[in-house]
């Protein structure tokens, strides 16, 4: 992982491949998919390992044993694994990316709109807490009003 960070630091600021500093893992923390696959060598990874992980995400349960499918999480982790393995291909550590062309799990996108009551509650709680929480609540209200105004004028 350190090599990825070094490559990113050497890229020019305007390079399209450069990622934001906040997305680089400097602490050595591993993605869940890497932890889930275990200590397999890069050359031992197969496309089926990605599908096994995605299946585990579909069958996931919470701490009370209730079903809690996590399709979005599985898709995100496998995408991250694919990027990491693509870097291994680029640096000639492996010949092919075993996670290339893995089909994503189907997800349902749900649009949820913030109500005026929820926003008022956030501002009220922020005001009570004071300090940075109040500033964040006011920023949230400002953003809400800007988006609301622009969407009404576009209609």
C-alpha atoms as a PDB file:
ATOM      1  CA  UNK A   1       0.000   0.000   0.000  1.00  0.00           C
ATOM      2  CA  UNK A   2       2.916   2.328   0.675  1.00  0.00           C
ATOM      3  CA  UNK A   3       3.889   2.215  -3.024  1.00  0.00           C
ATOM      4  CA  UNK A   4       0.455   3.490  -4.033  1.00  0.00           C
ATOM      5  CA  UNK A   5       0.856   6.418  -1.647  1.00  0.00           C
ATOM      6  CA  UNK A   6       4.334   7.156  -3.020  1.00  0.00           C
ATOM      7  CA  UNK A   7       3.067   7.066  -6.615  1.00  0.00           C
ATOM      8  CA  UNK A   8       0.203   9.397  -5.719  1.00  0.00           C
ATOM      9  CA  UNK A   9       2.600  11.832  -4.030  1.00  0.00           C
ATOM     10  CA  UNK A  10       4.804  11.949  -7.145  1.00  0.00           C
ATOM     11  CA  UNK A  11       1.945  12.679  -9.557  1.00  0.00           C
ATOM     12  CA  UNK A  12       1.460  16.323 -10.571  1.00  0.00           C
ATOM     13  CA  UNK A  13      -1.417  18.095  -8.813  1.00  0.00           C
ATOM     14  CA  UNK A  14      -3.463  18.380 -12.039  1.00  0.00           C
ATOM     15  CA  UNK A  15      -3.053  14.700 -13.070  1.00  0.00           C
ATOM     16  CA  UNK A  16      -6.389  12.968 -13.630  1.00  0.00           C
ATOM     17  CA  UNK A  17      -5.081   9.810 -11.917  1.00  0.00           C
ATOM     18  CA  UNK A  18      -4.280  11.672  -8.710  1.00  0.00           C
ATOM     19  CA  UNK A  19      -6.595  10.879  -5.823  1.00  0.00           C
ATOM     20  CA  UNK A  20      -7.504  13.177  -2.961  1.00  0.00           C
ATOM     21  CA  UNK A  21      -5.216  12.891   0.061  1.00  0.00           C
ATOM     22  CA  UNK A  22      -8.198  11.945   2.202  1.00  0.00           C
ATOM     23  CA  UNK A  23      -8.719   8.749   0.153  1.00  0.00           C
ATOM     24  CA  UNK A  24      -5.187   7.412   0.625  1.00  0.00           C
ATOM     25  CA  UNK A  25      -4.733   4.848   3.384  1.00  0.00           C
ATOM     26  CA  UNK A  26      -1.447   5.656   5.080  1.00  0.00           C
ATOM     27  CA  UNK A  27      -2.129   3.737   8.286  1.00  0.00           C
ATOM     28  CA  UNK A  28      -2.003   0.287   6.750  1.00  0.00           C
ATOM     29  CA  UNK A  29      -5.688  -0.385   7.430  1.00  0.00           C
ATOM     30  CA  UNK A  30      -6.976  -3.106   5.145  1.00  0.00           C
ATOM     31  CA  UNK A  31     -10.275  -3.044   3.269  1.00  0.00           C
ATOM     32  CA  UNK A  32     -12.850  -5.550   4.555  1.00  0.00           C
ATOM     33  CA  UNK A  33     -12.602  -7.540   1.338  1.00  0.00           C
ATOM     34  CA  UNK A  34      -8.865  -8.004   1.876  1.00  0.00           C
ATOM     35  CA  UNK A  35      -9.538  -9.141   5.431  1.00  0.00           C
ATOM     36  CA  UNK A  36     -12.296 -11.449   4.184  1.00  0.00           C
ATOM     37  CA  UNK A  37     -10.098 -13.147   1.596  1.00  0.00           C
ATOM     38  CA  UNK A  38      -7.495 -13.819   4.259  1.00  0.00           C
ATOM     39  CA  UNK A  39      -3.839 -14.334   3.590  1.00  0.00           C
ATOM     40  CA  UNK A  40      -4.082 -15.582   0.024  1.00  0.00           C
ATOM     41  CA  UNK A  41      -1.211 -14.657  -2.219  1.00  0.00           C
ATOM     42  CA  UNK A  42      -2.089 -12.270  -5.037  1.00  0.00           C
ATOM     43  CA  UNK A  43      -1.489 -15.042  -7.525  1.00  0.00           C
ATOM     44  CA  UNK A  44      -3.964 -17.332  -5.683  1.00  0.00           C
ATOM     45  CA  UNK A  45      -6.898 -14.911  -6.003  1.00  0.00           C
ATOM     46  CA  UNK A  46      -9.628 -16.024  -8.371  1.00  0.00           C
ATOM     47  CA  UNK A  47     -12.732 -14.306  -9.690  1.00  0.00           C
ATOM     48  CA  UNK A  48     -14.773 -16.719  -7.575  1.00  0.00           C
ATOM     49  CA  UNK A  49     -13.271 -15.169  -4.420  1.00  0.00           C
ATOM     50  CA  UNK A  50     -14.907 -11.865  -5.324  1.00  0.00           C
ATOM     51  CA  UNK A  51     -18.249 -13.587  -5.858  1.00  0.00           C
ATOM     52  CA  UNK A  52     -17.871 -15.449  -2.539  1.00  0.00           C
ATOM     53  CA  UNK A  53     -17.413 -12.103  -0.798  1.00  0.00           C
ATOM     54  CA  UNK A  54     -20.415 -10.596  -2.589  1.00  0.00           C
ATOM     55  CA  UNK A  55     -22.526 -13.619  -1.585  1.00  0.00           C
ATOM     56  CA  UNK A  56     -21.411 -13.180   2.037  1.00  0.00           C
ATOM     57  CA  UNK A  57     -22.511  -9.546   1.875  1.00  0.00           C
ATOM     58  CA  UNK A  58     -25.949 -10.639   0.632  1.00  0.00           C
ATOM     59  CA  UNK A  59     -26.289 -13.161   3.467  1.00  0.00           C
ATOM     60  CA  UNK A  60     -24.944 -10.855   6.196  1.00  0.00           C
ATOM     61  CA  UNK A  61     -26.712 -10.701   9.553  1.00  0.00           C
ATOM     62  CA  UNK A  62     -26.627  -8.085  12.299  1.00  0.00           C
ATOM     63  CA  UNK A  63     -25.514  -8.766  15.875  1.00  0.00           C
ATOM     64  CA  UNK A  64     -29.029  -9.978  16.762  1.00  0.00           C
ATOM     65  CA  UNK A  65     -29.050 -12.537  13.941  1.00  0.00           C
ATOM     66  CA  UNK A  66     -31.474 -10.592  11.750  1.00  0.00           C
ATOM     67  CA  UNK A  67     -30.784 -10.537   7.981  1.00  0.00           C
ATOM     68  CA  UNK A  68     -28.950  -7.385   6.941  1.00  0.00           C
ATOM     69  CA  UNK A  69     -27.894  -7.605   3.294  1.00  0.00           C
ATOM     70  CA  UNK A  70     -25.097  -5.192   2.421  1.00  0.00           C
ATOM     71  CA  UNK A  71     -25.009  -5.136  -1.379  1.00  0.00           C
ATOM     72  CA  UNK A  72     -23.648  -1.574  -1.600  1.00  0.00           C
ATOM     73  CA  UNK A  73     -20.826  -2.392   0.812  1.00  0.00           C
ATOM     74  CA  UNK A  74     -19.874  -5.512  -1.142  1.00  0.00           C
ATOM     75  CA  UNK A  75     -19.845  -3.637  -4.445  1.00  0.00           C
ATOM     76  CA  UNK A  76     -17.677  -0.890  -2.955  1.00  0.00           C
ATOM     77  CA  UNK A  77     -15.168  -3.303  -1.416  1.00  0.00           C
ATOM     78  CA  UNK A  78     -14.802  -5.380  -4.575  1.00  0.00           C
ATOM     79  CA  UNK A  79     -14.343  -2.188  -6.612  1.00  0.00           C
ATOM     80  CA  UNK A  80     -11.560  -1.172  -4.229  1.00  0.00           C
ATOM     81  CA  UNK A  81     -10.003  -4.618  -4.519  1.00  0.00           C
ATOM     82  CA  UNK A  82     -10.179  -4.354  -8.308  1.00  0.00           C
ATOM     83  CA  UNK A  83      -8.310  -1.015  -8.206  1.00  0.00           C
ATOM     84  CA  UNK A  84      -5.638  -2.454  -5.913  1.00  0.00           C
ATOM     85  CA  UNK A  85      -5.193  -5.509  -8.119  1.00  0.00           C
ATOM     86  CA  UNK A  86      -5.064  -3.317 -11.221  1.00  0.00           C
ATOM     87  CA  UNK A  87      -2.148  -1.502  -9.590  1.00  0.00           C
ATOM     88  CA  UNK A  88      -0.484  -4.899  -9.050  1.00  0.00           C
ATOM     89  CA  UNK A  89      -0.907  -5.578 -12.788  1.00  0.00           C
ATOM     90  CA  UNK A  90       0.558  -2.166 -13.578  1.00  0.00           C
ATOM     91  CA  UNK A  91       3.622  -2.815 -11.411  1.00  0.00           C
ATOM     92  CA  UNK A  92       3.985  -6.311 -12.940  1.00  0.00           C
ATOM     93  CA  UNK A  93       3.358  -8.191  -9.689  1.00  0.00           C
ATOM     94  CA  UNK A  94       0.564 -10.215 -11.324  1.00  0.00           C
ATOM     95  CA  UNK A  95      -0.309 -10.829 -14.972  1.00  0.00           C
ATOM     96  CA  UNK A  96      -4.063 -10.335 -14.938  1.00  0.00           C
ATOM     97  CA  UNK A  97      -6.587  -8.759 -12.610  1.00  0.00           C
ATOM     98  CA  UNK A  98      -8.754 -11.590 -11.232  1.00  0.00           C
ATOM     99  CA  UNK A  99     -11.455  -9.126 -10.105  1.00  0.00           C
ATOM    100  CA  UNK A 100     -11.859  -7.554 -13.554  1.00  0.00           C
ATOM    101  CA  UNK A 101     -15.413  -7.735 -14.956  1.00  0.00           C
ATOM    102  CA  UNK A 102     -16.970  -9.000 -11.710  1.00  0.00           C
ATOM    103  CA  UNK A 103     -20.695  -8.316 -11.900  1.00  0.00           C
ATOM    104  CA  UNK A 104     -21.999  -6.012  -9.194  1.00  0.00           C
ATOM    105  CA  UNK A 105     -24.859  -6.930  -6.915  1.00  0.00           C
ATOM    106  CA  UNK A 106     -28.188  -5.332  -7.741  1.00  0.00           C
ATOM    107  CA  UNK A 107     -29.039  -2.466  -5.418  1.00  0.00           C
ATOM    108  CA  UNK A 108     -32.123  -0.389  -4.866  1.00  0.00           C
ATOM    109  CA  UNK A 109     -31.637   3.323  -4.834  1.00  0.00           C
ATOM    110  CA  UNK A 110     -34.086   5.088  -2.589  1.00  0.00           C
ATOM    111  CA  UNK A 111     -34.596   8.828  -2.834  1.00  0.00           C
ATOM    112  CA  UNK A 112     -35.266  10.355   0.537  1.00  0.00           C
ATOM    113  CA  UNK A 113     -35.926  14.025   0.944  1.00  0.00           C
ATOM    114  CA  UNK A 114     -35.225  16.003   4.089  1.00  0.00           C
ATOM    115  CA  UNK A 115     -38.361  17.510   5.560  1.00  0.00           C
ATOM    116  CA  UNK A 116     -38.597  21.019   6.988  1.00  0.00           C
ATOM    117  CA  UNK A 117     -39.267  19.504  10.437  1.00  0.00           C
ATOM    118  CA  UNK A 118     -36.075  17.398  10.294  1.00  0.00           C
ATOM    119  CA  UNK A 119     -34.029  20.403   9.268  1.00  0.00           C
ATOM    120  CA  UNK A 120     -35.531  22.556  12.026  1.00  0.00           C
ATOM    121  CA  UNK A 121     -34.725  19.835  14.549  1.00  0.00           C
ATOM    122  CA  UNK A 122     -31.109  19.687  13.360  1.00  0.00           C
ATOM    123  CA  UNK A 123     -30.739  23.460  13.744  1.00  0.00           C
ATOM    124  CA  UNK A 124     -32.406  23.412  17.179  1.00  0.00           C
ATOM    125  CA  UNK A 125     -30.155  20.612  18.450  1.00  0.00           C
ATOM    126  CA  UNK A 126     -27.106  22.346  16.975  1.00  0.00           C
ATOM    127  CA  UNK A 127     -28.066  25.578  18.710  1.00  0.00           C
ATOM    128  CA  UNK A 128     -28.427  23.756  22.051  1.00  0.00           C
ATOM    129  CA  UNK A 129     -25.082  22.007  21.679  1.00  0.00           C
ATOM    130  CA  UNK A 130     -23.355  25.193  20.566  1.00  0.00           C
ATOM    131  CA  UNK A 131     -19.898  25.548  19.064  1.00  0.00           C
ATOM    132  CA  UNK A 132     -19.060  23.519  15.976  1.00  0.00           C
ATOM    133  CA  UNK A 133     -22.339  21.595  16.079  1.00  0.00           C
ATOM    134  CA  UNK A 134     -24.275  24.840  15.696  1.00  0.00           C
ATOM    135  CA  UNK A 135     -22.048  25.913  12.812  1.00  0.00           C
ATOM    136  CA  UNK A 136     -22.583  22.563  11.068  1.00  0.00           C
ATOM    137  CA  UNK A 137     -26.364  22.831  11.548  1.00  0.00           C
ATOM    138  CA  UNK A 138     -26.372  26.336  10.062  1.00  0.00           C
ATOM    139  CA  UNK A 139     -24.242  25.169   7.139  1.00  0.00           C
ATOM    140  CA  UNK A 140     -26.693  22.326   6.580  1.00  0.00           C
ATOM    141  CA  UNK A 141     -29.598  24.755   6.550  1.00  0.00           C
ATOM    142  CA  UNK A 142     -27.749  27.057   4.136  1.00  0.00           C
ATOM    143  CA  UNK A 143     -27.035  24.166   1.758  1.00  0.00           C
ATOM    144  CA  UNK A 144     -30.648  23.010   2.001  1.00  0.00           C
ATOM    145  CA  UNK A 145     -31.952  26.465   1.178  1.00  0.00           C
ATOM    146  CA  UNK A 146     -29.567  26.869  -1.771  1.00  0.00           C
ATOM    147  CA  UNK A 147     -30.545  23.520  -3.298  1.00  0.00           C
ATOM    148  CA  UNK A 148     -34.216  24.090  -2.630  1.00  0.00           C
ATOM    149  CA  UNK A 149     -34.114  27.524  -4.264  1.00  0.00           C
ATOM    150  CA  UNK A 150     -32.195  26.321  -7.339  1.00  0.00           C
ATOM    151  CA  UNK A 151     -34.531  23.364  -7.866  1.00  0.00           C
ATOM    152  CA  UNK A 152     -37.615  25.614  -7.629  1.00  0.00           C
ATOM    153  CA  UNK A 153     -36.207  28.123 -10.115  1.00  0.00           C
ATOM    154  CA  UNK A 154     -35.334  25.328 -12.562  1.00  0.00           C
ATOM    155  CA  UNK A 155     -38.896  24.032 -12.556  1.00  0.00           C
END
